Protein backbone atom coordinates (compact mmCIF):
# COMPACT_ATOMS: atom_id res chain seq x y z
CA UNK A 1 32.62 -17.20 14.86
CA UNK A 2 33.06 -13.90 13.07
CA UNK A 3 29.86 -12.55 11.54
CA UNK A 4 30.12 -9.66 9.07
CA UNK A 5 26.95 -7.83 8.06
CA UNK A 6 26.81 -5.45 5.10
CA UNK A 7 24.15 -2.81 5.76
CA UNK A 8 22.97 -1.46 9.09
CA UNK A 9 19.31 -0.55 8.74
CA UNK A 10 16.27 -2.87 9.06
CA UNK A 11 17.49 -6.31 7.98
CA UNK A 12 21.13 -5.74 8.93
CA UNK A 13 20.52 -4.55 12.46
CA UNK A 14 17.85 -7.19 13.01
CA UNK A 15 20.42 -9.82 12.03
CA UNK A 16 23.06 -8.36 14.31
CA UNK A 17 20.82 -7.98 17.35
CA UNK A 18 19.33 -11.47 17.02
CA UNK A 19 22.74 -13.05 16.49
CA UNK A 20 24.07 -11.42 19.64
CA UNK A 21 21.11 -12.64 21.69
CA UNK A 22 21.80 -16.18 20.48
CA UNK A 23 25.62 -16.10 20.63
CA UNK A 24 27.36 -13.98 23.24
CA UNK A 25 30.82 -15.10 22.09
CA UNK A 26 30.49 -14.22 18.40
CA UNK A 27 32.45 -11.34 16.90
CA UNK A 28 29.82 -9.27 15.08
CA UNK A 29 30.83 -6.50 12.67
CA UNK A 30 28.32 -4.24 10.88
CA UNK A 31 29.55 -2.19 7.92
CA UNK A 32 27.27 0.68 6.87
CA UNK A 33 28.00 3.00 3.94
CA UNK A 34 26.03 5.98 5.30
CA UNK A 35 26.68 7.81 8.55
CA UNK A 36 23.67 6.35 10.34
CA UNK A 37 22.48 2.90 11.37
CA UNK A 38 19.16 1.63 12.65
CA UNK A 39 17.39 4.83 11.64
CA UNK A 40 13.64 5.11 11.05
CA UNK A 41 13.66 5.47 7.26
CA UNK A 42 9.87 5.17 7.09
CA UNK A 43 9.65 8.34 9.18
CA UNK A 44 11.78 10.55 6.90
CA UNK A 45 8.86 12.27 5.09
CA UNK A 46 7.22 13.13 8.41
CA UNK A 47 10.26 15.01 9.73
CA UNK A 48 10.40 16.94 6.47
CA UNK A 49 6.71 17.80 6.90
CA UNK A 50 7.02 18.70 10.56
CA UNK A 51 4.95 15.95 12.20
CA UNK A 52 8.13 14.50 13.72
CA UNK A 53 9.67 17.59 15.27
CA UNK A 54 13.07 16.41 16.38
CA UNK A 55 15.51 14.87 13.93
CA UNK A 56 17.01 12.80 16.72
CA UNK A 57 13.74 10.87 17.07
CA UNK A 58 14.58 9.13 13.79
CA UNK A 59 18.01 7.97 14.91
CA UNK A 60 17.09 4.97 17.02
CA UNK A 61 20.61 3.78 17.81
CA UNK A 62 24.20 4.85 17.34
CA UNK A 63 27.41 2.82 17.03
CA UNK A 64 28.14 3.77 20.63
CA UNK A 65 24.81 2.58 22.06
CA UNK A 66 24.98 -0.63 20.05
CA UNK A 67 28.48 -1.31 21.35
CA UNK A 68 27.34 -0.76 24.92
CA UNK A 69 24.13 -2.80 24.82
CA UNK A 70 24.93 -5.54 22.30
CA UNK A 71 28.72 -5.50 22.04
CA UNK A 72 28.53 -4.87 18.29
CA UNK A 73 31.33 -3.37 16.22
CA UNK A 74 29.33 -0.94 14.04
CA UNK A 75 31.30 1.10 11.51
CA UNK A 76 29.46 3.86 9.69
CA UNK A 77 30.94 5.49 6.62
CA UNK A 78 32.48 2.15 5.61
CA UNK A 79 31.54 0.81 2.19
CA UNK A 80 32.08 -2.80 1.15
CA UNK A 81 33.64 -2.71 -2.31
CA UNK A 82 34.08 -6.41 -3.17
CA UNK A 83 33.42 -9.92 -1.93
CA UNK A 84 35.82 -12.83 -2.27
CA UNK A 85 33.84 -15.92 -1.35
CA UNK A 86 36.82 -18.21 -1.93
CA UNK A 87 38.95 -16.52 0.73
CA UNK A 88 35.89 -15.45 2.75
CA UNK A 89 36.91 -11.82 2.82
CA UNK A 90 35.33 -8.48 1.95
CA UNK A 91 37.22 -5.41 0.79
CA UNK A 92 36.16 -2.29 2.69
CA UNK A 93 36.76 1.40 2.02
CA UNK A 94 36.61 3.99 4.80
CA UNK A 95 34.89 6.86 3.03
CA UNK A 96 36.31 9.68 5.16
CA UNK A 97 39.94 8.73 4.46
CA UNK A 98 39.85 6.53 1.36
CA UNK A 99 41.68 3.80 3.28
CA UNK A 100 40.95 0.29 2.03
CA UNK A 101 41.29 -2.88 4.03
CA UNK A 102 40.16 -6.50 4.02
CA UNK A 103 37.89 -8.14 6.60
CA UNK A 104 37.67 -11.89 7.01
CA UNK A 105 34.37 -13.54 7.84
CA UNK A 106 33.06 -16.94 8.86
CA UNK A 107 29.53 -15.93 7.94
CA UNK A 108 28.53 -12.98 5.77
CA UNK A 109 25.04 -11.42 5.61
CA UNK A 110 24.25 -9.05 2.75
CA UNK A 111 21.63 -6.42 3.60
CA UNK A 112 22.36 -3.64 1.08
CA UNK A 113 18.71 -2.67 0.67
CA UNK A 114 17.22 -1.06 -2.42
CA UNK A 115 18.26 2.19 -4.03
CA UNK A 116 15.97 4.83 -5.57
CA UNK A 117 15.69 4.65 -9.34
CA UNK A 118 17.12 7.66 -11.19
CA UNK A 119 16.05 7.33 -14.84
CA UNK A 120 18.69 8.17 -17.43
CA UNK A 121 16.91 11.29 -18.69
CA UNK A 122 18.34 14.57 -20.02
CA UNK A 123 18.95 17.00 -17.17
CA UNK A 124 18.60 14.39 -14.41
CA UNK A 125 21.75 15.70 -12.70
CA UNK A 126 20.15 19.07 -11.87
CA UNK A 127 21.07 19.96 -8.25
CA UNK A 128 17.40 20.59 -7.35
CA UNK A 129 16.34 17.03 -8.25
CA UNK A 130 16.36 14.77 -5.19
CA UNK A 131 15.63 11.23 -4.06
CA UNK A 132 14.82 10.17 -0.50
CA UNK A 133 16.51 7.10 0.96
CA UNK A 134 18.40 8.03 4.11
CA UNK A 135 19.02 10.69 6.75
CA UNK A 136 21.47 12.55 4.53
CA UNK A 137 18.86 12.82 1.74
CA UNK A 138 16.28 14.00 4.24
CA UNK A 139 18.57 16.73 5.57
CA UNK A 140 19.23 18.14 2.10
CA UNK A 141 15.55 18.11 1.09
CA UNK A 142 14.43 19.69 4.37
CA UNK A 143 17.09 22.40 4.10
CA UNK A 144 15.84 23.27 0.61
CA UNK A 145 12.26 23.54 1.85
CA UNK A 146 13.36 25.61 4.84
CA UNK A 147 14.70 28.16 2.35
CA UNK A 148 11.10 28.97 1.50
CA UNK A 149 10.33 27.22 -1.78
CA UNK A 150 6.92 27.74 -3.39
CA UNK A 151 6.47 24.90 -5.88
CA UNK A 152 7.47 21.23 -5.88
CA UNK A 153 6.99 18.44 -8.39
CA UNK A 154 6.87 14.86 -7.20
CA UNK A 155 7.61 12.26 -9.87
CA UNK A 156 5.98 8.98 -8.87
CA UNK A 157 2.74 8.19 -7.08
CA UNK A 158 3.78 5.28 -4.87
CA UNK A 159 4.24 5.32 -1.10
CA UNK A 160 7.13 7.80 -0.95
CA UNK A 161 5.64 10.08 -3.61
CA UNK A 162 2.25 10.28 -1.92
CA UNK A 163 3.70 10.71 1.57
CA UNK A 164 6.04 13.44 0.39
CA UNK A 165 3.22 15.21 -1.46
CA UNK A 166 1.23 15.39 1.76
CA UNK A 167 4.17 16.57 3.82
CA UNK A 168 5.14 19.21 1.28
CA UNK A 169 1.57 20.53 1.47
CA UNK A 170 1.91 20.64 5.26
CA UNK A 171 4.86 22.96 4.68
CA UNK A 172 2.74 25.24 2.50
CA UNK A 173 4.35 24.17 -0.77
CA UNK A 174 2.26 23.86 -3.94
CA UNK A 175 2.58 20.29 -5.20
CA UNK A 176 2.08 18.60 -8.55
CA UNK A 177 2.35 14.82 -8.52
CA UNK A 178 3.22 13.11 -11.82
CA UNK A 179 2.53 9.38 -12.19
CA UNK A 180 2.97 7.23 -15.30
CA UNK A 181 0.08 4.94 -14.35
CA UNK A 182 -3.52 6.10 -14.54
CA UNK A 183 -3.69 6.01 -10.73
CA UNK A 184 -1.68 6.76 -7.64
CA UNK A 185 -0.64 3.87 -5.39
CA UNK A 186 -0.14 1.21 -8.12
CA UNK A 187 -0.17 -1.68 -5.59
CA UNK A 188 -3.87 -0.94 -5.07
CA UNK A 189 -6.50 -1.63 -7.68
CA UNK A 190 -7.41 1.50 -9.60
CA UNK A 191 -10.84 2.04 -8.09
CA UNK A 192 -9.49 1.69 -4.54
CA UNK A 193 -6.93 4.41 -5.23
CA UNK A 194 -9.59 6.79 -6.56
CA UNK A 195 -10.89 7.87 -3.14
CA UNK A 196 -7.32 8.71 -2.14
CA UNK A 197 -6.87 10.67 -5.37
CA UNK A 198 -10.05 12.68 -4.76
CA UNK A 199 -8.84 13.37 -1.22
CA UNK A 200 -5.43 14.56 -2.39
CA UNK A 201 -7.07 16.91 -4.87
CA UNK A 202 -9.35 18.19 -2.09
CA UNK A 203 -6.17 19.07 -0.18
CA UNK A 204 -4.70 20.98 -3.10
CA UNK A 205 -2.40 18.42 -4.73
CA UNK A 206 -2.50 18.61 -8.53
CA UNK A 207 -2.41 15.15 -10.11
CA UNK A 208 -0.94 14.50 -13.56
CA UNK A 209 -1.70 10.84 -14.24
CA UNK A 210 -0.93 8.75 -17.29
CA UNK A 211 2.26 10.62 -18.15
CA UNK A 212 5.88 10.74 -17.03
CA UNK A 213 8.94 12.97 -17.09
CA UNK A 214 10.78 13.02 -20.42
CA UNK A 215 13.55 15.49 -19.55
CA UNK A 216 14.64 18.23 -17.17
CA UNK A 217 16.19 21.65 -17.77
CA UNK A 218 17.54 24.48 -15.67
CA UNK A 219 15.44 27.64 -15.46
CA UNK A 220 17.57 30.15 -13.54
CA UNK A 221 17.96 27.80 -10.61
CA UNK A 222 14.51 26.29 -10.88
CA UNK A 223 13.74 23.04 -12.70
CA UNK A 224 11.66 22.74 -15.86
CA UNK A 225 10.10 19.29 -16.13
CA UNK A 226 9.08 18.34 -19.67
CA UNK A 227 6.49 15.57 -19.63
CA UNK A 228 5.87 12.86 -22.21
CA UNK A 229 2.51 14.42 -23.04
CA UNK A 230 4.34 17.56 -24.22
CA UNK A 231 3.43 19.79 -21.28
CA UNK A 232 5.99 21.57 -19.13
CA UNK A 233 6.02 22.20 -15.38
CA UNK A 234 8.37 24.44 -13.42
CA UNK A 235 9.34 23.97 -9.77
CA UNK A 236 11.82 24.98 -7.10
CA UNK A 237 12.34 21.34 -6.19
CA UNK A 238 11.75 17.96 -7.84
CA UNK A 239 11.51 14.73 -5.87
CA UNK A 240 12.05 11.50 -7.79
CA UNK A 241 10.00 8.67 -6.29
CA UNK A 242 9.58 6.32 -9.24
CA UNK A 243 10.48 3.19 -7.32
CA UNK A 244 13.49 1.29 -6.04
CA UNK A 245 15.66 -1.54 -7.30
CA UNK A 246 17.80 -4.03 -5.36
CA UNK A 247 21.22 -2.54 -4.60
CA UNK A 248 23.22 -5.49 -5.90
CA UNK A 249 26.18 -3.86 -7.64
CA UNK A 250 28.38 -5.32 -4.93
CA UNK A 251 27.65 -8.79 -6.30
CA UNK A 252 29.29 -8.11 -9.68
CA UNK A 253 32.03 -10.65 -10.28
CA UNK A 254 30.81 -13.03 -7.56
CA UNK A 255 29.11 -16.41 -7.86
CA UNK A 256 26.06 -15.18 -5.92
CA UNK A 257 23.02 -15.78 -8.09
CA UNK A 258 20.31 -13.25 -8.79
CA UNK A 259 16.69 -14.22 -9.33
CA UNK A 260 14.44 -13.46 -12.31
CA UNK A 261 13.37 -10.13 -10.82
CA UNK A 262 16.93 -8.93 -10.28
CA UNK A 263 17.09 -9.49 -6.54
CA UNK A 264 19.41 -11.79 -4.60
CA UNK A 265 18.19 -15.36 -4.78
CA UNK A 266 17.88 -17.01 -1.36
CA UNK A 267 16.40 -20.17 0.09
CA UNK A 268 14.01 -20.39 3.05
CA UNK A 269 16.94 -19.93 5.48
CA UNK A 270 18.07 -16.76 3.65
CA UNK A 271 21.15 -18.53 2.27
CA UNK A 272 22.49 -17.39 -1.10
CA UNK A 273 24.07 -19.64 -3.71
CA UNK A 274 27.52 -18.97 -2.21
CA UNK A 275 28.69 -20.90 0.85
CA UNK A 276 28.46 -19.08 4.20
CA UNK A 277 26.79 -16.04 2.61
CA UNK A 278 23.26 -15.02 3.52
CA UNK A 279 21.10 -12.11 2.37
CA UNK A 280 18.01 -10.34 3.74
CA UNK A 281 15.89 -7.25 3.24
CA UNK A 282 14.88 -5.21 0.23
CA UNK A 283 17.63 -6.64 -1.99
CA UNK A 284 16.35 -10.22 -1.89
CA UNK A 285 13.65 -11.93 -3.92
CA UNK A 286 10.81 -13.53 -2.01
CA UNK A 287 7.91 -15.76 -2.97
CA UNK A 288 4.53 -14.09 -3.32
CA UNK A 289 2.19 -15.66 -0.76
CA UNK A 290 -0.74 -15.89 -3.18
CA UNK A 291 0.76 -16.44 -6.63
CA UNK A 292 3.90 -18.33 -5.63
CA UNK A 293 5.89 -16.18 -8.05
CA UNK A 294 9.28 -14.57 -7.26
CA UNK A 295 8.72 -10.98 -6.16
CA UNK A 296 10.53 -7.87 -4.97
CA UNK A 297 8.61 -6.43 -2.02
CA UNK A 298 10.44 -3.66 -0.19
CA UNK A 299 8.83 -3.49 3.25
CA UNK A 300 10.31 -3.02 6.71
CA UNK A 301 8.39 -5.84 8.40
CA UNK A 302 9.55 -8.62 6.08
CA UNK A 303 13.09 -7.20 6.10
CA UNK A 304 13.27 -7.40 9.88
CA UNK A 305 11.91 -10.94 9.95
CA UNK A 306 14.33 -12.07 7.25
CA UNK A 307 17.25 -10.69 9.26
CA UNK A 308 16.05 -12.58 12.31
CA UNK A 309 15.75 -15.83 10.34
CA UNK A 310 19.23 -15.44 8.86
CA UNK A 311 20.66 -14.99 12.35
CA UNK A 312 18.71 -17.98 13.64
CA UNK A 313 20.11 -20.25 10.94
CA UNK A 314 23.64 -18.97 11.38
CA UNK A 315 23.33 -19.79 15.08
CA UNK A 316 22.06 -23.32 14.46
CA UNK A 317 18.30 -22.90 14.51
CA UNK A 318 16.02 -24.22 11.77
CA UNK A 319 13.98 -21.05 11.21
CA UNK A 320 12.57 -20.53 7.72
CA UNK A 321 10.99 -17.69 5.78
CA UNK A 322 8.04 -18.83 3.69
CA UNK A 323 6.60 -15.96 1.69
CA UNK A 324 5.57 -12.31 1.64
CA UNK A 325 2.01 -11.13 1.13
CA UNK A 326 2.79 -7.44 0.81
CA UNK A 327 0.73 -6.06 3.68
CA UNK A 328 1.12 -2.28 3.56
CA UNK A 329 -0.65 0.91 4.60
CA UNK A 330 -0.36 4.64 3.93
CA UNK A 331 -1.63 7.85 5.50
CA UNK A 332 -2.98 10.36 2.96
CA UNK A 333 -3.96 13.52 4.84
CA UNK A 334 -7.01 12.44 6.92
CA UNK A 335 -7.45 9.21 4.99
CA UNK A 336 -5.78 5.83 5.26
CA UNK A 337 -5.41 3.21 2.55
CA UNK A 338 -3.73 -0.13 2.20
CA UNK A 339 -4.04 -3.78 1.41
CA UNK A 340 -2.75 -7.29 1.83
CA UNK A 341 -2.43 -10.30 -0.43
CA UNK A 342 -3.11 -10.17 -4.15
CA UNK A 343 -4.78 -7.32 -6.00
CA UNK A 344 -7.41 -8.00 -8.63
CA UNK A 345 -5.01 -7.05 -11.41
CA UNK A 346 -2.51 -9.61 -10.07
CA UNK A 347 -5.16 -12.32 -9.98
CA UNK A 348 -6.13 -11.52 -13.57
CA UNK A 349 -2.50 -11.55 -14.72
CA UNK A 350 -1.86 -14.92 -13.09
CA UNK A 351 -5.21 -16.44 -14.16
CA UNK A 352 -6.26 -17.28 -10.61
CA UNK A 353 -10.08 -17.69 -10.43
CA UNK A 354 -11.68 -15.30 -7.96
CA UNK A 355 -14.83 -13.48 -6.88
CA UNK A 356 -15.03 -10.06 -5.25
CA UNK A 357 -17.26 -7.88 -3.09
CA UNK A 358 -17.27 -4.24 -2.01
CA UNK A 359 -18.77 -2.93 1.21
CA UNK A 360 -18.83 0.45 2.97
CA UNK A 361 -19.12 -0.12 6.74
CA UNK A 362 -18.34 2.46 9.40
CA UNK A 363 -15.06 2.44 11.29
CA UNK A 364 -16.88 2.08 14.60
CA UNK A 365 -20.44 2.32 15.90
CA UNK A 366 -22.15 5.02 13.84
CA UNK A 367 -23.82 6.64 16.85
CA UNK A 368 -20.46 7.24 18.53
CA UNK A 369 -18.76 10.43 17.25
CA UNK A 370 -15.82 10.42 14.89
CA UNK A 371 -16.55 7.77 12.29
CA UNK A 372 -17.44 7.62 8.64
CA UNK A 373 -17.70 4.88 6.06
CA UNK A 374 -14.70 3.02 4.67
CA UNK A 375 -14.52 1.05 1.43
CA UNK A 376 -13.49 -2.60 1.66
CA UNK A 377 -12.70 -4.76 -1.34
CA UNK A 378 -12.39 -8.46 -0.64
CA UNK A 379 -11.05 -10.98 -3.17
CA UNK A 380 -11.54 -14.70 -2.63
CA UNK A 381 -11.36 -18.02 -4.44
CA UNK A 382 -14.36 -18.92 -6.54
CA UNK A 383 -14.33 -22.56 -5.50
CA UNK A 384 -13.99 -22.49 -1.72
CA UNK A 385 -13.96 -18.85 -0.59
CA UNK A 386 -10.30 -18.85 0.46
CA UNK A 387 -9.21 -15.26 0.99
CA UNK A 388 -6.80 -14.07 -1.68
CA UNK A 389 -6.55 -10.34 -1.04
CA UNK A 390 -8.14 -7.34 0.62
CA UNK A 391 -7.91 -3.57 0.26
CA UNK A 392 -9.34 -0.92 2.55
CA UNK A 393 -9.54 2.87 2.26
CA UNK A 394 -11.21 5.22 4.71
CA UNK A 395 -10.74 7.46 7.70
CA UNK A 396 -10.88 5.48 10.94
CA UNK A 397 -10.35 1.82 11.74
CA UNK A 398 -8.68 1.02 8.43
CA UNK A 399 -5.45 -0.27 9.90
CA UNK A 400 -6.90 -2.92 12.15
CA UNK A 401 -9.12 -4.28 9.38
CA UNK A 402 -6.13 -4.63 7.05
CA UNK A 403 -4.25 -6.43 9.82
CA UNK A 404 -7.14 -8.84 10.44
CA UNK A 405 -7.37 -9.62 6.73
CA UNK A 406 -3.59 -10.12 6.66
CA UNK A 407 -3.82 -12.57 9.55
CA UNK A 408 -6.69 -14.38 7.86
CA UNK A 409 -4.69 -14.79 4.64
CA UNK A 410 -1.64 -16.06 6.52
CA UNK A 411 -3.86 -18.57 8.34
CA UNK A 412 -5.45 -19.80 5.09
CA UNK A 413 -8.92 -18.72 6.19
CA UNK A 414 -12.04 -18.49 4.03
CA UNK A 415 -14.83 -15.93 3.84
CA UNK A 416 -16.95 -18.33 5.90
CA UNK A 417 -14.38 -18.06 8.70
CA UNK A 418 -14.74 -14.26 8.66
CA UNK A 419 -18.42 -14.65 9.52
CA UNK A 420 -17.56 -16.36 12.78
CA UNK A 421 -14.65 -14.23 14.02
CA UNK A 422 -15.26 -12.81 17.49
CA UNK A 423 -13.68 -9.36 17.51
CA UNK A 424 -13.40 -6.71 20.20
CA UNK A 425 -16.39 -4.38 20.34
CA UNK A 426 -17.23 -1.20 22.17
CA UNK A 427 -18.85 1.83 20.46
CA UNK A 428 -15.61 3.87 20.20
CA UNK A 429 -13.75 0.96 18.56
CA UNK A 430 -16.03 -1.13 16.39
CA UNK A 431 -19.50 -2.50 15.80
CA UNK A 432 -21.33 -5.57 17.02
CA UNK A 433 -21.14 -6.74 13.43
CA UNK A 434 -17.59 -5.74 12.65
CA UNK A 435 -16.67 -4.74 9.07
CA UNK A 436 -14.67 -7.98 8.93
CA UNK A 437 -17.80 -9.98 9.78
CA UNK A 438 -19.81 -7.96 7.25
CA UNK A 439 -17.31 -8.72 4.50
CA UNK A 440 -17.67 -12.40 5.36
CA UNK A 441 -21.47 -12.20 5.31
CA UNK A 442 -21.62 -10.52 1.90
CA UNK A 443 -18.98 -12.77 0.34
CA UNK A 444 -20.70 -15.87 1.70
CA UNK A 445 -24.05 -14.65 0.36
CA UNK A 446 -22.47 -14.33 -3.09
CA UNK A 447 -20.99 -17.83 -3.03
CA UNK A 448 -24.24 -19.32 -1.71
CA UNK A 449 -26.31 -17.61 -4.40
CA UNK A 450 -28.24 -15.37 -2.01
CA UNK A 451 -27.16 -12.33 -4.02
CA UNK A 452 -25.81 -11.62 -7.48
CA UNK A 453 -23.80 -8.53 -8.43
CA UNK A 454 -23.23 -6.28 -11.36
CA UNK A 455 -20.03 -4.25 -11.25
CA UNK A 456 -19.38 -0.59 -11.93
CA UNK A 457 -16.48 -1.27 -14.30
CA UNK A 458 -18.89 -3.15 -16.57
CA UNK A 459 -21.09 -0.07 -16.99
CA UNK A 460 -22.67 0.84 -19.38
CA UNK A 461 -22.39 -2.36 -21.42
CA UNK A 462 -23.69 -4.56 -18.62
CA UNK A 463 -27.10 -2.86 -18.41
CA UNK A 464 -27.92 -3.12 -22.12
CA UNK A 465 -31.47 -4.41 -22.61
CA UNK A 466 -32.03 -4.28 -18.86
CA UNK A 467 -34.05 -2.13 -16.45
CA UNK A 468 -31.97 -0.10 -13.98
CA UNK A 469 -33.78 0.71 -10.72
CA UNK A 470 -32.46 3.21 -8.21
CA UNK A 471 -33.95 2.21 -4.85
CA UNK A 472 -32.72 5.28 -3.01
CA UNK A 473 -35.02 8.10 -1.97
CA UNK A 474 -36.42 10.60 -4.46
CA UNK A 475 -34.18 13.30 -2.94
CA UNK A 476 -31.04 11.23 -3.49
CA UNK A 477 -32.17 10.32 -7.00
CA UNK A 478 -32.72 13.97 -7.88
CA UNK A 479 -29.23 14.91 -6.67
CA UNK A 480 -27.57 12.35 -8.93
CA UNK A 481 -28.45 9.03 -10.52
CA UNK A 482 -27.25 6.60 -13.15
CA UNK A 483 -28.65 8.19 -16.34
CA UNK A 484 -30.52 5.06 -17.43
CA UNK A 485 -32.15 4.49 -14.03
CA UNK A 486 -35.73 4.89 -12.92
CA UNK A 487 -36.47 5.61 -9.26
CA UNK A 488 -38.49 3.25 -7.09
CA UNK A 489 -37.56 3.87 -3.44
CA UNK A 490 -37.18 0.68 -1.45
CA UNK A 491 -40.26 1.40 0.66
CA UNK A 492 -42.43 1.54 -2.47
CA UNK A 493 -41.01 -1.51 -4.27
CA UNK A 494 -43.46 -4.12 -2.99
CA UNK A 495 -46.41 -2.03 -4.17
CA UNK A 496 -44.99 -1.76 -7.70
CA UNK A 497 -43.98 -5.37 -8.36
CA UNK A 498 -46.76 -5.92 -10.88
CA UNK A 499 -45.44 -3.09 -13.05
CA UNK A 500 -41.98 -4.63 -13.41
CA UNK A 501 -41.07 -6.89 -16.36
CA UNK A 502 -40.18 -10.51 -15.65
CA UNK A 503 -38.60 -10.99 -19.07
CA UNK A 504 -35.93 -8.27 -18.73
CA UNK A 505 -32.82 -8.27 -16.53
CA UNK A 506 -33.17 -5.90 -13.58
CA UNK A 507 -30.15 -4.01 -12.27
CA UNK A 508 -30.54 -2.50 -8.81
CA UNK A 509 -28.43 0.01 -6.95
CA UNK A 510 -28.45 2.24 -3.89
CA UNK A 511 -25.82 4.20 -2.00
CA UNK A 512 -23.67 1.37 -0.56
CA UNK A 513 -25.48 -1.82 -1.55
CA UNK A 514 -27.64 -2.51 1.50
CA UNK A 515 -31.02 -1.20 0.31
CA UNK A 516 -30.46 -2.76 -3.10
CA UNK A 517 -29.68 -6.07 -1.37
CA UNK A 518 -33.04 -5.90 0.39
CA UNK A 519 -34.66 -5.07 -2.95
CA UNK A 520 -32.86 -8.02 -4.54
CA UNK A 521 -34.29 -10.38 -1.92
CA UNK A 522 -37.79 -8.97 -2.43
CA UNK A 523 -37.64 -9.42 -6.21
CA UNK A 524 -36.04 -12.87 -6.23
CA UNK A 525 -38.60 -14.18 -3.78
CA UNK A 526 -41.35 -12.60 -5.86
CA UNK A 527 -40.52 -14.61 -8.98
CA UNK A 528 -38.00 -12.37 -10.72
CA UNK A 529 -35.01 -14.48 -11.76
CA UNK A 530 -32.78 -11.99 -13.63
CA UNK A 531 -31.85 -9.63 -10.80
CA UNK A 532 -28.47 -8.18 -9.92
CA UNK A 533 -27.44 -5.46 -7.47
CA UNK A 534 -24.55 -3.04 -7.89
CA UNK A 535 -21.57 -4.16 -5.78
CA UNK A 536 -20.70 -1.37 -3.36
CA UNK A 537 -23.53 0.86 -4.58
CA UNK A 538 -23.09 4.37 -5.90
CA UNK A 539 -20.06 4.92 -3.65
CA UNK A 540 -18.11 2.23 -5.48
CA UNK A 541 -19.60 3.42 -8.79
CA UNK A 542 -18.01 6.79 -8.01
CA UNK A 543 -14.63 5.08 -7.76
CA UNK A 544 -14.96 4.07 -11.42
CA UNK A 545 -17.05 6.93 -12.83
CA UNK A 546 -16.70 10.25 -11.03
CA UNK A 547 -20.00 11.83 -10.04
CA UNK A 548 -20.89 15.07 -8.20
CA UNK A 549 -20.98 13.02 -5.00
CA UNK A 550 -17.23 12.35 -5.20
CA UNK A 551 -15.81 15.26 -3.22
CA UNK A 552 -12.78 13.81 -1.43
CA UNK A 553 -14.36 14.75 1.91
CA UNK A 554 -15.59 12.36 4.62
CA UNK A 555 -19.13 11.10 4.05
CA UNK A 556 -21.83 10.04 6.46
CA UNK A 557 -21.45 6.65 8.16
CA UNK A 558 -23.46 3.67 7.02
CA UNK A 559 -26.35 2.67 9.29
CA UNK A 560 -28.49 -0.30 8.31
CA UNK A 561 -32.19 0.57 8.00
CA UNK A 562 -31.40 4.27 8.67
CA UNK A 563 -29.23 4.89 5.61
CA UNK A 564 -31.86 6.83 3.66
CA UNK A 565 -32.35 9.43 6.38
CA UNK A 566 -28.62 9.98 6.84
CA UNK A 567 -27.97 10.05 3.11
CA UNK A 568 -30.62 12.70 2.57
CA UNK A 569 -29.05 14.80 5.32
CA UNK A 570 -25.74 14.59 3.47
CA UNK A 571 -27.12 15.44 0.04
CA UNK A 572 -27.04 19.16 0.68
CA UNK A 573 -23.27 19.11 1.15
CA UNK A 574 -22.65 16.54 -1.62
CA UNK A 575 -20.69 14.54 0.93
CA UNK A 576 -22.64 11.34 0.54
């Protein structure tokens, strides 16, 4: 069997390596357009910023090492120009010489990836406007920064745009990030991106949200960026990071079908509509794990697994790829953010019934140094509590919580299952009641009717005709409070029950939702039947309505029954 693979990065090299492990006799040829294969493309921003010191650390393999270890014929600088599925050949051009030749295949795997979008805007061809996809792009951008630039503009607030903004700041460059949406990190819900936005601003990144580039112009070697809102920015360097699209130009004139999102349509075995042709990686459409809709999800993990499954099927195994849930994570200076499964905006768009909770647990035991609170948003089915999505932002322990939620979604677990998970605990690593358990407790309480929430995005309409009670301390209340609120600290609530109206709705809140939960239980069991508590407390409120407490700096950790003392200690620095 002769196996030809187009593309030599994540999906392509995964296909080639797996196929060799399953078939020692196969002839395996990998054709890669760039000069590098199996490179760590997710690490490119970090070499530019200096965290990854040596360029060679990003080049994981070479054609020579792959020939020696896996007996692969890997040809870099070779671009596949056309596919003839009838004759089972591909036309190849050697870029260094222009020589063209045909290669026959028994099985063909297309792994062309996704290419950065370059909008057709006036001035887009300016030599100081870059995109970042491969080692060659990285080298050019880094060389420009090494020249000593002062100002950069990043167009696009997704993963690459945010990572590059941070790494440009590490190099001492002033950065303005422009994003068409009203938030950075569009895969996250808006309020979950807010903490990351505040943190970026704290580190000196200027954010221009809700607008986009309209045109570009030369300014004596610099770039003028004219925005849709009419303003103009000038920079030494512009990075375009407005997204990617499947690199499917090679399929023009073939009978290989594309899906509704513009990616290559494949079945569970990664087979395309053409006989003996498979596809994997960022160029293919997948099924969304939650909605069941076709989706384009460009992530390294799914790409590698798809390549493995394609190789399995080619070699006679019945492996199948089911769906992608979009588990992803990002480092933003000292913070970390990410999610898995569906976002709230996706659930709304697809009319999937859901409930949600917010909590702010610590990354590990609060008495052990080095932790602070994170924000967790959990989305789950209204009927049975099945987990639909989760998002986490914070400083420590974010990654493992996202991974546990991702595993729970893949396993079809419910919020009731989260309550019973037995997770590793020692003070440096977690808590006896892990944040995962706490999310399960709060979500289960909501479904069982032990608590009822009001939500910050509903403010101020939701509190009309109601009484808003701030159950934090008088010191916290004085520092900042919801304008309509009166202050009855939790410790004084029982003594003031007779003064509260039974006929009016009561809306409670505290810092993270714990004290107001206790207040909710006191009131409900004292005959008050129109009581709601603010989901996530004032910290989540800050993610919708910025207050003086939203500084972008780490806050104090959450400690049950000791929160008031710690919060008051933090008030002086406005880091609560």
